[in-house]
C-alpha atoms as a PDB file:
ATOM      1  CA  MET A   1    -193.099 -75.883  14.612  1.00  0.00           C
ATOM      2  CA  SER A   2    -189.729 -74.142  14.592  1.00  0.00           C
ATOM      3  CA  GLN A   3    -190.498 -71.249  16.717  1.00  0.00           C
ATOM      4  CA  ILE A   4    -190.750 -73.726  19.840  1.00  0.00           C
ATOM      5  CA  VAL A   5    -187.940 -73.282  22.127  1.00  0.00           C
ATOM      6  CA  ILE A   6    -186.796 -75.622  25.003  1.00  0.00           C
ATOM      7  CA  ARG A   7    -185.539 -74.460  28.032  1.00  0.00           C
ATOM      8  CA  HIS A   8    -185.173 -75.383  31.568  1.00  0.00           C
ATOM      9  CA  VAL A   9    -188.108 -74.383  33.822  1.00  0.00           C
ATOM     10  CA  GLU A  10    -188.267 -71.246  35.844  1.00  0.00           C
ATOM     11  CA  PRO A  11    -190.118 -70.154  38.667  1.00  0.00           C
ATOM     12  CA  ALA A  12    -192.136 -67.495  37.241  1.00  0.00           C
ATOM     13  CA  ASP A  13    -193.656 -70.262  34.893  1.00  0.00           C
ATOM     14  CA  TYR A  14    -195.813 -71.164  37.696  1.00  0.00           C
ATOM     15  CA  GLU A  15    -199.165 -69.164  36.624  1.00  0.00           C
ATOM     16  CA  GLN A  16    -198.545 -70.776  33.233  1.00  0.00           C
ATOM     17  CA  LEU A  17    -197.916 -74.362  34.198  1.00  0.00           C
ATOM     18  CA  HIS A  18    -200.933 -73.914  36.479  1.00  0.00           C
ATOM     19  CA  GLN A  19    -203.164 -72.718  33.209  1.00  0.00           C
ATOM     20  CA  LEU A  20    -201.962 -75.773  31.296  1.00  0.00           C
ATOM     21  CA  TYR A  21    -203.003 -78.511  33.594  1.00  0.00           C
ATOM     22  CA  SER A  22    -206.047 -76.721  34.692  1.00  0.00           C
ATOM     23  CA  GLN A  23    -207.272 -77.473  31.013  1.00  0.00           C
ATOM     24  CA  GLU A  24    -209.610 -80.876  30.856  1.00  0.00           C
ATOM     25  CA  GLN A  25    -208.025 -82.063  27.926  1.00  0.00           C
ATOM     26  CA  VAL A  26    -204.489 -82.483  29.587  1.00  0.00           C
ATOM     27  CA  PHE A  27    -205.224 -83.508  33.278  1.00  0.00           C
ATOM     28  CA  SER A  28    -207.588 -85.924  31.904  1.00  0.00           C
ATOM     29  CA  ASP A  29    -204.482 -87.916  30.192  1.00  0.00           C
ATOM     30  CA  THR A  30    -202.209 -87.216  32.858  1.00  0.00           C
ATOM     31  CA  LEU A  31    -202.520 -88.598  37.042  1.00  0.00           C
ATOM     32  CA  GLN A  32    -203.503 -84.580  38.010  1.00  0.00           C
ATOM     33  CA  LEU A  33    -206.282 -83.847  39.973  1.00  0.00           C
ATOM     34  CA  PRO A  34    -208.874 -81.252  38.163  1.00  0.00           C
ATOM     35  CA  TYR A  35    -208.671 -77.701  39.846  1.00  0.00           C
ATOM     36  CA  PRO A  36    -205.079 -77.622  40.894  1.00  0.00           C
ATOM     37  CA  ALA A  37    -203.861 -74.779  43.073  1.00  0.00           C
ATOM     38  CA  SER A  38    -201.541 -72.325  41.616  1.00  0.00           C
ATOM     39  CA  GLY A  39    -199.338 -72.485  45.064  1.00  0.00           C
ATOM     40  CA  THR A  40    -198.531 -75.994  43.959  1.00  0.00           C
ATOM     41  CA  TRP A  41    -197.147 -75.327  40.796  1.00  0.00           C
ATOM     42  CA  GLN A  42    -195.265 -72.707  42.572  1.00  0.00           C
ATOM     43  CA  LYS A  43    -193.588 -74.285  45.466  1.00  0.00           C
ATOM     44  CA  ARG A  44    -192.894 -77.160  42.942  1.00  0.00           C
ATOM     45  CA  LEU A  45    -191.003 -74.646  40.942  1.00  0.00           C
ATOM     46  CA  GLU A  46    -189.350 -72.922  43.927  1.00  0.00           C
ATOM     47  CA  VAL A  47    -188.227 -76.256  45.564  1.00  0.00           C
ATOM     48  CA  PRO A  48    -187.374 -78.686  43.001  1.00  0.00           C
ATOM     49  CA  GLN A  49    -186.578 -82.432  44.264  1.00  0.00           C
ATOM     50  CA  ALA A  50    -183.649 -83.802  43.933  1.00  0.00           C
ATOM     51  CA  GLY A  51    -182.952 -85.756  40.408  1.00  0.00           C
ATOM     52  CA  THR A  52    -185.844 -83.842  38.856  1.00  0.00           C
ATOM     53  CA  TYR A  53    -185.144 -82.263  35.847  1.00  0.00           C
ATOM     54  CA  ASN A  54    -188.254 -79.739  34.655  1.00  0.00           C
ATOM     55  CA  LEU A  55    -188.373 -78.273  30.930  1.00  0.00           C
ATOM     56  CA  VAL A  56    -190.880 -76.335  28.793  1.00  0.00           C
ATOM     57  CA  ALA A  57    -191.644 -75.566  25.600  1.00  0.00           C
ATOM     58  CA  CYS A  58    -192.448 -72.224  24.729  1.00  0.00           C
ATOM     59  CA  PHE A  59    -193.504 -70.257  21.939  1.00  0.00           C
ATOM     60  CA  GLY A  60    -192.274 -67.011  22.588  1.00  0.00           C
ATOM     61  CA  GLU A  61    -192.948 -65.941  25.868  1.00  0.00           C
ATOM     62  CA  ARG A  62    -195.771 -68.407  26.291  1.00  0.00           C
ATOM     63  CA  VAL A  63    -195.377 -72.202  27.724  1.00  0.00           C
ATOM     64  CA  VAL A  64    -197.313 -74.663  25.296  1.00  0.00           C
ATOM     65  CA  GLY A  65    -195.761 -77.813  27.106  1.00  0.00           C
ATOM     66  CA  GLN A  66    -193.730 -79.259  29.663  1.00  0.00           C
ATOM     67  CA  ILE A  67    -192.101 -82.556  30.878  1.00  0.00           C
ATOM     68  CA  THR A  68    -190.363 -83.380  34.264  1.00  0.00           C
ATOM     69  CA  LEU A  69    -188.190 -85.945  34.473  1.00  0.00           C
ATOM     70  CA  HIS A  70    -187.728 -87.859  37.587  1.00  0.00           C
ATOM     71  CA  VAL A  71    -184.444 -89.824  37.958  1.00  0.00           C
ATOM     72  CA  ASN A  72    -184.712 -93.098  40.501  1.00  0.00           C
ATOM     73  CA  PRO A  73    -182.893 -92.646  43.524  1.00  0.00           C
ATOM     74  CA  THR A  74    -182.403 -95.938  44.746  1.00  0.00           C
ATOM     75  CA  MET A  75    -178.959 -97.662  44.240  1.00  0.00           C
ATOM     76  CA  ARG A  76    -179.367-100.664  42.223  1.00  0.00           C
ATOM     77  CA  ARG A  77    -182.165 -98.483  39.843  1.00  0.00           C
ATOM     78  CA  ARG A  78    -179.989 -95.115  39.255  1.00  0.00           C
ATOM     79  CA  HIS A  79    -180.044 -96.124  35.556  1.00  0.00           C
ATOM     80  CA  THR A  80    -183.665 -95.497  35.404  1.00  0.00           C
ATOM     81  CA  ALA A  81    -186.042 -92.955  35.042  1.00  0.00           C
ATOM     82  CA  SER A  82    -189.734 -92.092  34.138  1.00  0.00           C
ATOM     83  CA  PHE A  83    -191.465 -88.563  33.052  1.00  0.00           C
ATOM     84  CA  GLY A  84    -194.699 -86.901  33.205  1.00  0.00           C
ATOM     85  CA  LEU A  85    -195.529 -84.861  29.662  1.00  0.00           C
ATOM     86  CA  GLY A  86    -198.047 -82.204  29.115  1.00  0.00           C
ATOM     87  CA  VAL A  87    -198.892 -80.193  25.978  1.00  0.00           C
ATOM     88  CA  HIS A  88    -201.623 -77.197  26.010  1.00  0.00           C
ATOM     89  CA  SER A  89    -204.507 -78.577  24.152  1.00  0.00           C
ATOM     90  CA  ASP A  90    -204.256 -75.626  21.797  1.00  0.00           C
ATOM     91  CA  PHE A  91    -200.773 -76.695  20.207  1.00  0.00           C
ATOM     92  CA  GLN A  92    -201.517 -80.725  20.855  1.00  0.00           C
ATOM     93  CA  GLY A  93    -200.648 -82.903  17.399  1.00  0.00           C
ATOM     94  CA  GLN A  94    -197.699 -80.104  16.346  1.00  0.00           C
ATOM     95  CA  GLY A  95    -194.657 -81.341  17.527  1.00  0.00           C
ATOM     96  CA  ILE A  96    -194.376 -80.372  20.571  1.00  0.00           C
ATOM     97  CA  GLY A  97    -194.325 -83.480  22.669  1.00  0.00           C
ATOM     98  CA  SER A  98    -191.947 -84.621  20.467  1.00  0.00           C
ATOM     99  CA  LYS A  99    -189.372 -82.092  21.130  1.00  0.00           C
ATOM    100  CA  LEU A 100    -189.895 -82.335  24.725  1.00  0.00           C
ATOM    101  CA  LEU A 101    -189.274 -85.908  24.479  1.00  0.00           C
ATOM    102  CA  ALA A 102    -186.066 -85.710  22.691  1.00  0.00           C
ATOM    103  CA  ALA A 103    -184.655 -83.152  25.136  1.00  0.00           C
ATOM    104  CA  VAL A 104    -185.284 -85.451  28.303  1.00  0.00           C
ATOM    105  CA  LEU A 105    -184.155 -88.417  26.100  1.00  0.00           C
ATOM    106  CA  ASP A 106    -180.885 -86.433  24.930  1.00  0.00           C
ATOM    107  CA  MET A 107    -180.135 -85.864  28.679  1.00  0.00           C
ATOM    108  CA  CYS A 108    -180.834 -89.565  29.898  1.00  0.00           C
ATOM    109  CA  ASP A 109    -178.879 -91.102  26.842  1.00  0.00           C
ATOM    110  CA  ASN A 110    -176.010 -88.399  27.002  1.00  0.00           C
ATOM    111  CA  TRP A 111    -175.793 -86.653  30.634  1.00  0.00           C
ATOM    112  CA  LEU A 112    -177.427 -88.594  32.768  1.00  0.00           C
ATOM    113  CA  GLY A 113    -176.243 -92.211  32.083  1.00  0.00           C
ATOM    114  CA  ILE A 114    -179.908 -93.280  32.025  1.00  0.00           C
ATOM    115  CA  SER A 115    -180.080 -96.279  30.112  1.00  0.00           C
ATOM    116  CA  ARG A 116    -184.309 -97.450  30.865  1.00  0.00           C
ATOM    117  CA  VAL A 117    -186.824 -94.965  30.941  1.00  0.00           C
ATOM    118  CA  GLU A 118    -190.229 -95.953  31.851  1.00  0.00           C
ATOM    119  CA  LEU A 119    -194.007 -94.692  31.809  1.00  0.00           C
ATOM    120  CA  THR A 120    -197.270 -95.089  31.966  1.00  0.00           C
ATOM    121  CA  VAL A 121    -200.156 -94.008  29.924  1.00  0.00           C
ATOM    122  CA  PHE A 122    -203.752 -94.360  29.495  1.00  0.00           C
ATOM    123  CA  ILE A 123    -204.743 -97.092  26.904  1.00  0.00           C
ATOM    124  CA  ASP A 124    -207.124 -94.851  25.279  1.00  0.00           C
ATOM    125  CA  ASN A 125    -204.464 -92.199  24.622  1.00  0.00           C
ATOM    126  CA  HIS A 126    -203.591 -93.349  20.931  1.00  0.00           C
ATOM    127  CA  ALA A 127    -201.821 -89.981  20.360  1.00  0.00           C
ATOM    128  CA  ALA A 128    -199.416 -90.406  23.140  1.00  0.00           C
ATOM    129  CA  ILE A 129    -198.774 -94.127  22.442  1.00  0.00           C
ATOM    130  CA  ALA A 130    -197.800 -93.328  18.874  1.00  0.00           C
ATOM    131  CA  LEU A 131    -195.696 -90.302  20.386  1.00  0.00           C
ATOM    132  CA  TYR A 132    -193.730 -92.787  22.534  1.00  0.00           C
ATOM    133  CA  ASN A 133    -193.489 -95.501  20.115  1.00  0.00           C
ATOM    134  CA  LYS A 134    -191.799 -93.128  17.831  1.00  0.00           C
ATOM    135  CA  PHE A 135    -189.145 -93.034  20.270  1.00  0.00           C
ATOM    136  CA  ASP A 136    -188.870 -96.522  20.475  1.00  0.00           C
ATOM    137  CA  PHE A 137    -190.769 -97.265  23.702  1.00  0.00           C
ATOM    138  CA  VAL A 138    -192.686-100.496  24.089  1.00  0.00           C
ATOM    139  CA  VAL A 139    -195.723-102.245  26.002  1.00  0.00           C
ATOM    140  CA  GLU A 140    -194.459-103.958  28.309  1.00  0.00           C
ATOM    141  CA  GLY A 141    -197.583-104.631  30.360  1.00  0.00           C
ATOM    142  CA  THR A 142    -201.356-103.695  31.326  1.00  0.00           C
ATOM    143  CA  SER A 143    -202.652-102.908  34.424  1.00  0.00           C
ATOM    144  CA  GLU A 144    -206.495-103.019  33.857  1.00  0.00           C
ATOM    145  CA  ALA A 145    -208.561-100.669  36.127  1.00  0.00           C
ATOM    146  CA  TYR A 146    -205.333 -98.289  36.975  1.00  0.00           C
ATOM    147  CA  ALA A 147    -206.872 -95.026  37.855  1.00  0.00           C
ATOM    148  CA  LEU A 148    -210.376 -93.039  38.062  1.00  0.00           C
ATOM    149  CA  ARG A 149    -210.907 -90.375  35.241  1.00  0.00           C
ATOM    150  CA  ASN A 150    -214.318 -88.832  34.660  1.00  0.00           C
ATOM    151  CA  GLY A 151    -215.604 -91.484  37.315  1.00  0.00           C
ATOM    152  CA  LYS A 152    -214.597 -94.526  35.378  1.00  0.00           C
ATOM    153  CA  LEU A 153    -211.371 -96.816  36.173  1.00  0.00           C
ATOM    154  CA  VAL A 154    -209.292 -96.669  32.778  1.00  0.00           C
ATOM    155  CA  SER A 155    -206.621 -99.074  32.696  1.00  0.00           C
ATOM    156  CA  ILE A 156    -202.799 -98.139  31.302  1.00  0.00           C
ATOM    157  CA  HIS A 157    -199.785 -99.663  29.689  1.00  0.00           C
ATOM    158  CA  HIS A 158    -196.789 -99.517  30.704  1.00  0.00           C
ATOM    159  CA  MET A 159    -194.268 -98.737  27.928  1.00  0.00           C
ATOM    160  CA  GLY A 160    -190.570 -98.947  28.254  1.00  0.00           C
ATOM    161  CA  ARG A 161    -187.258 -97.725  26.504  1.00  0.00           C
ATOM    162  CA  VAL A 162    -184.233 -99.166  26.731  1.00  0.00           C
ATOM    163  CA  LEU A 163    -180.738 -98.297  25.454  1.00  0.00           C
ATOM    164  CA  THR A 164    -178.367-100.976  24.200  1.00  0.00           C
END
């Protein structure tokens, strides 16, 4: 989708991010809970945490995806970061996740000095795993019964990408 623009999140985006993460298809594949309060997103955007970079994908004025990069603050792990990613259910499978992830990895590789990026992904989220594989992430391990989703414990893969 060439009309997609990646930009830094703005405080006024909180309502659209609330709507994005209120979708079952989105919160089910993340560690977010259903029924998020819009005030939670408002607070996150008004007072960002140090070492956190938050980007959105926009189709016109509509926020259709979001990624948050968390740089590890501890001295011996400052070369590492992790991220969380969500794409609006109406826009999944259209390359938005790729654009968001490419933007964050460019920041890591060329601007932040991050050589290792880590993530967790539910083992049944095949589309996300394919996306991460496309960007050279590899499965480094699996944690059984990691998180509760829809009343069942679900396992996750730990994935990582290391610049050499």
